[in-house]
Amino acid sequence: MALRCRVFRGLVKEAEEDINKFLMSHEVRVLHMAQSESGDHISVTLIVDEPESLPEIGL
């Protein structure tokens, strides 16, 4: 298990787009999500589990 933490900050729409891009481009399982707001900006913290990479088998 490889736990990672990612923080996304910005305007709500920008943070949403960045989170969607991250989730579409990485094979992860979200274990925890936290959010905080300040004015019109948002911070979203994701704690994710990345699958352990499997060794490539050369034929």
Protein backbone atom coordinates (compact mmCIF):
# COMPACT_ATOMS: atom_id res chain seq x y z
CA MET A 1 0.00 0.00 0.00
CA ALA A 2 1.39 3.40 -1.02
CA LEU A 3 -0.43 6.23 0.74
CA ARG A 4 -0.19 9.67 -0.82
CA CYS A 5 -1.64 13.05 0.05
CA ARG A 6 -2.69 15.55 -2.64
CA VAL A 7 -3.88 19.10 -1.97
CA PHE A 8 -5.87 21.07 -4.54
CA ARG A 9 -6.36 24.83 -4.04
CA GLY A 10 -8.08 27.55 -6.03
CA LEU A 11 -11.45 28.73 -7.13
CA VAL A 12 -14.09 26.05 -6.74
CA LYS A 13 -14.37 25.32 -10.48
CA GLU A 14 -10.57 25.20 -10.91
CA ALA A 15 -10.13 22.83 -7.97
CA GLU A 16 -12.93 20.61 -9.27
CA GLU A 17 -11.29 20.42 -12.71
CA ASP A 18 -7.86 19.63 -11.20
CA ILE A 19 -9.33 16.89 -8.99
CA ASN A 20 -11.17 15.33 -11.94
CA LYS A 21 -7.99 15.38 -14.08
CA PHE A 22 -6.02 13.75 -11.26
CA LEU A 23 -8.61 11.01 -10.68
CA MET A 24 -8.91 10.28 -14.41
CA SER A 25 -5.14 10.01 -14.90
CA HIS A 26 -4.23 8.02 -11.76
CA GLU A 27 -5.44 4.66 -10.57
CA VAL A 28 -6.08 5.40 -6.91
CA ARG A 29 -8.54 4.63 -4.15
CA VAL A 30 -9.62 7.69 -2.16
CA LEU A 31 -9.36 6.90 1.55
CA HIS A 32 -10.17 10.33 2.97
CA MET A 33 -11.18 13.76 1.71
CA ALA A 34 -11.24 17.06 3.62
CA GLN A 35 -12.27 20.49 2.42
CA SER A 36 -11.94 24.02 3.71
CA GLU A 37 -13.11 27.31 2.28
CA SER A 38 -11.84 30.86 2.54
CA GLY A 39 -13.76 33.51 0.65
CA ASP A 40 -14.23 32.24 -2.89
CA HIS A 41 -11.29 29.81 -2.71
CA ILE A 42 -11.33 26.20 -1.63
CA SER A 43 -8.72 23.68 -0.47
CA VAL A 44 -9.39 19.98 -0.93
CA THR A 45 -7.06 17.39 0.55
CA LEU A 46 -7.21 13.81 -0.71
CA ILE A 47 -5.47 10.89 0.98
CA VAL A 48 -5.22 8.15 -1.60
CA ASP A 49 -3.94 4.61 -1.82
CA GLU A 50 -1.95 3.87 -4.98
CA PRO A 51 -1.74 0.23 -6.02
CA GLU A 52 1.72 -1.22 -5.70
CA SER A 53 3.33 -1.43 -9.08
CA LEU A 54 3.69 -4.94 -10.40
CA PRO A 55 7.02 -5.93 -11.87
CA GLU A 56 6.96 -6.16 -15.66
CA ILE A 57 7.51 -9.63 -17.04
CA GLY A 58 9.73 -9.64 -20.10
CA LEU A 59 9.10 -12.38 -22.62
